[in-house]
Amino acid sequence: MKFEVLRLIQDRIPKIAAENMAIDEALFLTAESPVLRFYRWSRPSVSFGYFTAWSEVNQQFGQRDLVRRWTGGGIVEHGLDLTYSLVWPGGREIPAVTDFYRHVHDAVAKVFKETGFPVEVAQSSEPSDSQACFDKAVRYDLKVENAKIAGAAIRRSRKGLLLQGSIQRVEIPPQFEMMFARELCDRPNADVLSNRIVEYANCIVKEKYGAADWNRRS
């Protein structure tokens, strides 16, 4: 499965955690075609899944920039990782979550294999009591020498799918971002964040990701 069109945003300006989450949501709520965004973090950060308790995250990572994701999943440390989001908008057939997850990670794995990394696709989920996302692999995560290197979380609604992924513990090959985009779409269109999206995201920061009511609920 390849996308007919794909907007590729290589967001080179590092941002705080709340801004990164808000931009992902703004893109998800406004996209009319699939969007792939790569982004950076301005300081060491931790994102945690929608259903994760604030107390658990704050106890372990209270000195970091903390933000609750709109997607599910566990606790993810950010700063040295390569982070991306992928939006599949509504108004078209929405893939099953598992199929979408597998398709995206198959594309990541293919790029790594083509550049000489022995990446393995997990065929089953590993048991674990840890809330740390990279302590365990779930089905279709990626591993190198039995260590998880790529995971993601997804939100699905009538507006489409939002996937937020992280790649860490491995050297990122040169040109990885464009190679990954081309695995998803033959001719991705390079794009930038519009002023409209940035302004919309700033509103979302104030209302949600920068607010204690959102981040600190149990």
C-alpha atoms as a PDB file:
ATOM      1  CA  MET A   1       0.000   0.000   0.000  1.00  0.00           C
ATOM      2  CA  LYS A   2       1.440   3.344  -1.122  1.00  0.00           C
ATOM      3  CA  PHE A   3      -0.116   6.738  -0.654  1.00  0.00           C
ATOM      4  CA  GLU A   4      -1.115   8.572  -3.830  1.00  0.00           C
ATOM      5  CA  VAL A   5      -0.005  11.871  -2.286  1.00  0.00           C
ATOM      6  CA  LEU A   6       2.030  12.743   0.811  1.00  0.00           C
ATOM      7  CA  ARG A   7       3.054  16.091   2.276  1.00  0.00           C
ATOM      8  CA  LEU A   8       6.529  15.866   3.845  1.00  0.00           C
ATOM      9  CA  ILE A   9       7.351  18.411   6.554  1.00  0.00           C
ATOM     10  CA  GLN A  10      10.939  18.319   7.852  1.00  0.00           C
ATOM     11  CA  ASP A  11      10.539  20.587  10.862  1.00  0.00           C
ATOM     12  CA  ARG A  12      14.120  21.572  11.662  1.00  0.00           C
ATOM     13  CA  ILE A  13      13.418  24.068  14.449  1.00  0.00           C
ATOM     14  CA  PRO A  14      13.388  22.242  17.830  1.00  0.00           C
ATOM     15  CA  LYS A  15      10.302  22.929  19.929  1.00  0.00           C
ATOM     16  CA  ILE A  16       9.112  22.328  23.464  1.00  0.00           C
ATOM     17  CA  ALA A  17       7.016  19.230  24.113  1.00  0.00           C
ATOM     18  CA  ALA A  18       3.650  21.007  24.263  1.00  0.00           C
ATOM     19  CA  GLU A  19       4.269  22.706  20.908  1.00  0.00           C
ATOM     20  CA  ASN A  20       5.235  19.447  19.212  1.00  0.00           C
ATOM     21  CA  MET A  21       2.073  17.716  20.378  1.00  0.00           C
ATOM     22  CA  ALA A  22      -0.101  20.688  19.438  1.00  0.00           C
ATOM     23  CA  ILE A  23       1.310  20.886  15.908  1.00  0.00           C
ATOM     24  CA  ASP A  24       0.622  17.182  15.393  1.00  0.00           C
ATOM     25  CA  GLU A  25      -2.971  17.685  16.505  1.00  0.00           C
ATOM     26  CA  ALA A  26      -3.409  20.801  14.359  1.00  0.00           C
ATOM     27  CA  LEU A  27      -2.185  18.905  11.306  1.00  0.00           C
ATOM     28  CA  PHE A  28      -4.492  15.999  12.102  1.00  0.00           C
ATOM     29  CA  LEU A  29      -7.561  18.223  12.473  1.00  0.00           C
ATOM     30  CA  THR A  30      -6.939  20.205   9.278  1.00  0.00           C
ATOM     31  CA  ALA A  31      -5.237  17.822   6.824  1.00  0.00           C
ATOM     32  CA  GLU A  32      -6.935  17.089   3.527  1.00  0.00           C
ATOM     33  CA  SER A  33      -4.250  14.637   2.404  1.00  0.00           C
ATOM     34  CA  PRO A  34      -1.687  12.443   4.239  1.00  0.00           C
ATOM     35  CA  VAL A  35       1.062  14.353   6.073  1.00  0.00           C
ATOM     36  CA  LEU A  36       4.418  13.085   7.370  1.00  0.00           C
ATOM     37  CA  ARG A  37       6.199  15.401   9.807  1.00  0.00           C
ATOM     38  CA  PHE A  38       9.643  14.916  11.338  1.00  0.00           C
ATOM     39  CA  TYR A  39      10.487  17.055  14.355  1.00  0.00           C
ATOM     40  CA  ARG A  40      12.962  17.803  17.141  1.00  0.00           C
ATOM     41  CA  TRP A  41      12.832  18.712  20.850  1.00  0.00           C
ATOM     42  CA  SER A  42      14.347  21.888  22.273  1.00  0.00           C
ATOM     43  CA  ARG A  43      15.138  20.228  25.609  1.00  0.00           C
ATOM     44  CA  PRO A  44      15.046  16.715  27.132  1.00  0.00           C
ATOM     45  CA  SER A  45      11.400  15.689  27.232  1.00  0.00           C
ATOM     46  CA  VAL A  46       9.050  12.833  27.982  1.00  0.00           C
ATOM     47  CA  SER A  47       5.712  12.179  26.321  1.00  0.00           C
ATOM     48  CA  PHE A  48       3.256   9.717  27.816  1.00  0.00           C
ATOM     49  CA  GLY A  49       0.107   8.022  26.613  1.00  0.00           C
ATOM     50  CA  TYR A  50      -3.403   9.376  27.022  1.00  0.00           C
ATOM     51  CA  PHE A  51      -4.267   6.875  29.785  1.00  0.00           C
ATOM     52  CA  THR A  52      -0.961   7.005  31.698  1.00  0.00           C
ATOM     53  CA  ALA A  53      -1.060   8.402  35.256  1.00  0.00           C
ATOM     54  CA  TRP A  54       0.755  11.721  35.740  1.00  0.00           C
ATOM     55  CA  SER A  55       2.081  10.655  39.161  1.00  0.00           C
ATOM     56  CA  GLU A  56       4.021   7.748  37.672  1.00  0.00           C
ATOM     57  CA  VAL A  57       5.653   9.876  34.995  1.00  0.00           C
ATOM     58  CA  ASN A  58       6.411  12.816  37.292  1.00  0.00           C
ATOM     59  CA  GLN A  59       8.035  10.545  39.874  1.00  0.00           C
ATOM     60  CA  GLN A  60      10.525   9.223  37.310  1.00  0.00           C
ATOM     61  CA  PHE A  61      11.047  12.249  35.066  1.00  0.00           C
ATOM     62  CA  GLY A  62      10.047  15.301  37.073  1.00  0.00           C
ATOM     63  CA  GLN A  63      13.082  17.290  35.871  1.00  0.00           C
ATOM     64  CA  ARG A  64      12.117  16.944  32.218  1.00  0.00           C
ATOM     65  CA  ASP A  65       9.605  18.666  29.989  1.00  0.00           C
ATOM     66  CA  LEU A  66       6.519  16.422  30.356  1.00  0.00           C
ATOM     67  CA  VAL A  67       3.490  16.229  28.063  1.00  0.00           C
ATOM     68  CA  ARG A  68       0.515  13.900  27.747  1.00  0.00           C
ATOM     69  CA  ARG A  69      -0.017  12.666  24.199  1.00  0.00           C
ATOM     70  CA  TRP A  70      -3.386  12.573  22.468  1.00  0.00           C
ATOM     71  CA  THR A  71      -2.434   9.068  21.323  1.00  0.00           C
ATOM     72  CA  GLY A  72      -2.137   6.018  23.590  1.00  0.00           C
ATOM     73  CA  GLY A  73       0.905   3.946  24.475  1.00  0.00           C
ATOM     74  CA  GLY A  74       3.430   4.254  27.255  1.00  0.00           C
ATOM     75  CA  ILE A  75       6.212   6.584  28.388  1.00  0.00           C
ATOM     76  CA  VAL A  76       8.716   7.758  25.749  1.00  0.00           C
ATOM     77  CA  GLU A  77      11.908   9.721  26.375  1.00  0.00           C
ATOM     78  CA  HIS A  78      12.744  12.339  23.738  1.00  0.00           C
ATOM     79  CA  GLY A  79      15.751  14.413  22.848  1.00  0.00           C
ATOM     80  CA  LEU A  80      18.152  12.053  21.117  1.00  0.00           C
ATOM     81  CA  ASP A  81      15.511  10.187  19.142  1.00  0.00           C
ATOM     82  CA  LEU A  82      14.105  10.835  15.674  1.00  0.00           C
ATOM     83  CA  THR A  83      10.429  11.654  16.121  1.00  0.00           C
ATOM     84  CA  TYR A  84       7.746  11.777  13.475  1.00  0.00           C
ATOM     85  CA  SER A  85       3.996  11.940  13.046  1.00  0.00           C
ATOM     86  CA  LEU A  86       1.879  10.597  10.207  1.00  0.00           C
ATOM     87  CA  VAL A  87      -1.646  11.808   9.512  1.00  0.00           C
ATOM     88  CA  TRP A  88      -4.169   9.854   7.461  1.00  0.00           C
ATOM     89  CA  PRO A  89      -7.179  12.168   7.159  1.00  0.00           C
ATOM     90  CA  GLY A  90     -10.821  11.168   7.062  1.00  0.00           C
ATOM     91  CA  GLY A  91     -12.928  11.624   3.963  1.00  0.00           C
ATOM     92  CA  ARG A  92     -11.428   8.428   2.546  1.00  0.00           C
ATOM     93  CA  GLU A  93     -11.334   4.812   3.609  1.00  0.00           C
ATOM     94  CA  ILE A  94      -9.586   4.673   7.000  1.00  0.00           C
ATOM     95  CA  PRO A  95      -7.259   1.654   7.368  1.00  0.00           C
ATOM     96  CA  ALA A  96      -7.441  -0.672  10.338  1.00  0.00           C
ATOM     97  CA  VAL A  97      -5.110   0.499  13.116  1.00  0.00           C
ATOM     98  CA  THR A  98      -3.059  -2.714  13.121  1.00  0.00           C
ATOM     99  CA  ASP A  99      -2.633  -2.678   9.342  1.00  0.00           C
ATOM    100  CA  PHE A 100      -1.560   0.972   9.396  1.00  0.00           C
ATOM    101  CA  TYR A 101       0.943   0.344  12.207  1.00  0.00           C
ATOM    102  CA  ARG A 102       2.442  -2.622  10.356  1.00  0.00           C
ATOM    103  CA  HIS A 103       2.628  -0.755   7.061  1.00  0.00           C
ATOM    104  CA  VAL A 104       4.485   2.204   8.588  1.00  0.00           C
ATOM    105  CA  HIS A 105       6.992   0.036  10.447  1.00  0.00           C
ATOM    106  CA  ASP A 106       7.536  -2.158   7.381  1.00  0.00           C
ATOM    107  CA  ALA A 107       8.538   1.024   5.536  1.00  0.00           C
ATOM    108  CA  VAL A 108      10.950   2.023   8.327  1.00  0.00           C
ATOM    109  CA  ALA A 109      12.434  -1.487   8.388  1.00  0.00           C
ATOM    110  CA  LYS A 110      12.982  -1.489   4.637  1.00  0.00           C
ATOM    111  CA  VAL A 111      14.995   1.724   4.794  1.00  0.00           C
ATOM    112  CA  PHE A 112      17.188   0.381   7.589  1.00  0.00           C
ATOM    113  CA  LYS A 113      17.762  -2.921   5.779  1.00  0.00           C
ATOM    114  CA  GLU A 114      18.712  -1.129   2.571  1.00  0.00           C
ATOM    115  CA  THR A 115      21.334   0.835   4.510  1.00  0.00           C
ATOM    116  CA  GLY A 116      22.808  -2.255   6.173  1.00  0.00           C
ATOM    117  CA  PHE A 117      21.063  -2.428   9.555  1.00  0.00           C
ATOM    118  CA  PRO A 118      19.813  -5.903  10.607  1.00  0.00           C
ATOM    119  CA  VAL A 119      16.333  -4.785  11.669  1.00  0.00           C
ATOM    120  CA  GLU A 120      13.804  -7.344  12.891  1.00  0.00           C
ATOM    121  CA  VAL A 121      10.035  -6.856  12.912  1.00  0.00           C
ATOM    122  CA  ALA A 122       8.493  -8.154  16.161  1.00  0.00           C
ATOM    123  CA  GLN A 123       5.874 -10.806  15.411  1.00  0.00           C
ATOM    124  CA  SER A 124       4.345 -10.806  18.884  1.00  0.00           C
ATOM    125  CA  SER A 125       4.085  -8.554  21.925  1.00  0.00           C
ATOM    126  CA  GLU A 126       6.522  -9.026  24.808  1.00  0.00           C
ATOM    127  CA  PRO A 127       5.136  -9.290  28.357  1.00  0.00           C
ATOM    128  CA  SER A 128       6.194  -6.483  30.672  1.00  0.00           C
ATOM    129  CA  ASP A 129       4.935  -4.565  33.705  1.00  0.00           C
ATOM    130  CA  SER A 130       6.871  -1.453  32.690  1.00  0.00           C
ATOM    131  CA  GLN A 131       5.110   1.640  31.344  1.00  0.00           C
ATOM    132  CA  ALA A 132       8.282   2.633  29.476  1.00  0.00           C
ATOM    133  CA  CYS A 133       7.524   2.177  25.787  1.00  0.00           C
ATOM    134  CA  PHE A 134      11.043   1.098  24.826  1.00  0.00           C
ATOM    135  CA  ASP A 135      11.322  -1.511  27.591  1.00  0.00           C
ATOM    136  CA  LYS A 136       9.139  -3.860  25.552  1.00  0.00           C
ATOM    137  CA  ALA A 137       8.175  -4.449  21.939  1.00  0.00           C
ATOM    138  CA  VAL A 138       4.613  -4.910  20.787  1.00  0.00           C
ATOM    139  CA  ARG A 139       3.675  -6.644  17.562  1.00  0.00           C
ATOM    140  CA  TYR A 140       5.204  -4.947  14.495  1.00  0.00           C
ATOM    141  CA  ASP A 141       7.649  -2.842  16.495  1.00  0.00           C
ATOM    142  CA  LEU A 142      11.250  -2.890  15.243  1.00  0.00           C
ATOM    143  CA  LYS A 143      14.242  -4.396  17.032  1.00  0.00           C
ATOM    144  CA  VAL A 144      18.004  -4.612  16.504  1.00  0.00           C
ATOM    145  CA  GLU A 145      19.834  -7.351  18.406  1.00  0.00           C
ATOM    146  CA  ASN A 146      16.696  -7.861  20.498  1.00  0.00           C
ATOM    147  CA  ALA A 147      16.525  -4.215  21.614  1.00  0.00           C
ATOM    148  CA  LYS A 148      13.504  -2.177  20.532  1.00  0.00           C
ATOM    149  CA  ILE A 149      14.449   0.719  18.272  1.00  0.00           C
ATOM    150  CA  ALA A 150      11.102   1.897  16.868  1.00  0.00           C
ATOM    151  CA  GLY A 151       7.630   2.190  18.329  1.00  0.00           C
ATOM    152  CA  ALA A 152       4.537   4.288  17.804  1.00  0.00           C
ATOM    153  CA  ALA A 153       1.127   5.210  19.195  1.00  0.00           C
ATOM    154  CA  ILE A 154      -2.080   5.802  17.225  1.00  0.00           C
ATOM    155  CA  ARG A 155      -5.318   7.705  17.670  1.00  0.00           C
ATOM    156  CA  ARG A 156      -8.236   6.810  15.418  1.00  0.00           C
ATOM    157  CA  SER A 157     -11.417   8.829  14.983  1.00  0.00           C
ATOM    158  CA  ARG A 158     -13.871   9.791  12.280  1.00  0.00           C
ATOM    159  CA  LYS A 159     -11.354  12.461  11.268  1.00  0.00           C
ATOM    160  CA  GLY A 160      -8.790   9.774  10.426  1.00  0.00           C
ATOM    161  CA  LEU A 161      -5.615   8.367  11.973  1.00  0.00           C
ATOM    162  CA  LEU A 162      -2.782  10.085  13.810  1.00  0.00           C
ATOM    163  CA  LEU A 163       0.375   8.030  14.366  1.00  0.00           C
ATOM    164  CA  GLN A 164       3.220   9.385  16.509  1.00  0.00           C
ATOM    165  CA  GLY A 165       6.468   7.428  16.255  1.00  0.00           C
ATOM    166  CA  SER A 166       9.942   7.450  17.760  1.00  0.00           C
ATOM    167  CA  ILE A 167      13.178   5.839  16.534  1.00  0.00           C
ATOM    168  CA  GLN A 168      16.038   5.558  19.012  1.00  0.00           C
ATOM    169  CA  ARG A 169      19.046   3.492  20.149  1.00  0.00           C
ATOM    170  CA  VAL A 170      20.332   3.302  16.571  1.00  0.00           C
ATOM    171  CA  GLU A 171      22.281   5.514  14.194  1.00  0.00           C
ATOM    172  CA  ILE A 172      19.905   7.137  11.739  1.00  0.00           C
ATOM    173  CA  PRO A 173      21.111   6.643   8.141  1.00  0.00           C
ATOM    174  CA  PRO A 174      21.777   9.746   6.017  1.00  0.00           C
ATOM    175  CA  GLN A 175      18.730  10.848   4.032  1.00  0.00           C
ATOM    176  CA  PHE A 176      16.523   8.610   6.158  1.00  0.00           C
ATOM    177  CA  GLU A 177      13.607  11.044   6.239  1.00  0.00           C
ATOM    178  CA  MET A 178      13.267  11.272   2.451  1.00  0.00           C
ATOM    179  CA  MET A 179      13.888   7.541   1.997  1.00  0.00           C
ATOM    180  CA  PHE A 180      11.131   6.755   4.489  1.00  0.00           C
ATOM    181  CA  ALA A 181       8.753   9.185   2.801  1.00  0.00           C
ATOM    182  CA  ARG A 182       9.423   7.536  -0.566  1.00  0.00           C
ATOM    183  CA  GLU A 183       8.562   4.148   0.876  1.00  0.00           C
ATOM    184  CA  LEU A 184       5.143   5.587   1.716  1.00  0.00           C
ATOM    185  CA  CYS A 185       4.644   7.581  -1.484  1.00  0.00           C
ATOM    186  CA  ASP A 186       6.555   7.543  -4.778  1.00  0.00           C
ATOM    187  CA  ARG A 187       6.631  11.337  -5.029  1.00  0.00           C
ATOM    188  CA  PRO A 188       6.264  13.035  -1.625  1.00  0.00           C
ATOM    189  CA  ASN A 189       5.743  16.783  -1.760  1.00  0.00           C
ATOM    190  CA  ALA A 190       8.098  18.829   0.421  1.00  0.00           C
ATOM    191  CA  ASP A 191       6.142  21.308   2.526  1.00  0.00           C
ATOM    192  CA  VAL A 192       6.521  23.629   5.520  1.00  0.00           C
ATOM    193  CA  LEU A 193       4.364  24.497   8.499  1.00  0.00           C
ATOM    194  CA  SER A 194       2.014  27.279   7.483  1.00  0.00           C
ATOM    195  CA  ASN A 195       1.369  30.302   9.677  1.00  0.00           C
ATOM    196  CA  ARG A 196      -2.217  29.100   9.989  1.00  0.00           C
ATOM    197  CA  ILE A 197      -1.101  25.768  11.480  1.00  0.00           C
ATOM    198  CA  VAL A 198       1.386  27.437  13.832  1.00  0.00           C
ATOM    199  CA  GLU A 199      -1.277  29.860  15.099  1.00  0.00           C
ATOM    200  CA  TYR A 200      -3.780  27.043  15.520  1.00  0.00           C
ATOM    201  CA  ALA A 201      -1.171  24.986  17.398  1.00  0.00           C
ATOM    202  CA  ASN A 202      -0.439  27.911  19.730  1.00  0.00           C
ATOM    203  CA  CYS A 203      -4.115  27.958  20.704  1.00  0.00           C
ATOM    204  CA  ILE A 204      -4.039  24.203  21.346  1.00  0.00           C
ATOM    205  CA  VAL A 205      -0.951  24.617  23.560  1.00  0.00           C
ATOM    206  CA  LYS A 206      -2.821  27.076  25.773  1.00  0.00           C
ATOM    207  CA  GLU A 207      -6.000  25.026  25.929  1.00  0.00           C
ATOM    208  CA  LYS A 208      -4.498  21.545  26.251  1.00  0.00           C
ATOM    209  CA  TYR A 209      -0.836  20.506  26.117  1.00  0.00           C
ATOM    210  CA  GLY A 210       0.483  23.396  28.177  1.00  0.00           C
ATOM    211  CA  ALA A 211      -2.285  23.117  30.767  1.00  0.00           C
ATOM    212  CA  ALA A 212      -2.078  21.274  34.080  1.00  0.00           C
ATOM    213  CA  ASP A 213      -5.669  20.040  33.704  1.00  0.00           C
ATOM    214  CA  TRP A 214      -4.606  18.034  30.666  1.00  0.00           C
ATOM    215  CA  ASN A 215      -1.161  16.820  31.706  1.00  0.00           C
ATOM    216  CA  ARG A 216      -1.602  16.151  35.432  1.00  0.00           C
ATOM    217  CA  ARG A 217      -4.796  14.160  35.592  1.00  0.00           C
ATOM    218  CA  SER A 218      -4.517  10.684  37.101  1.00  0.00           C
END
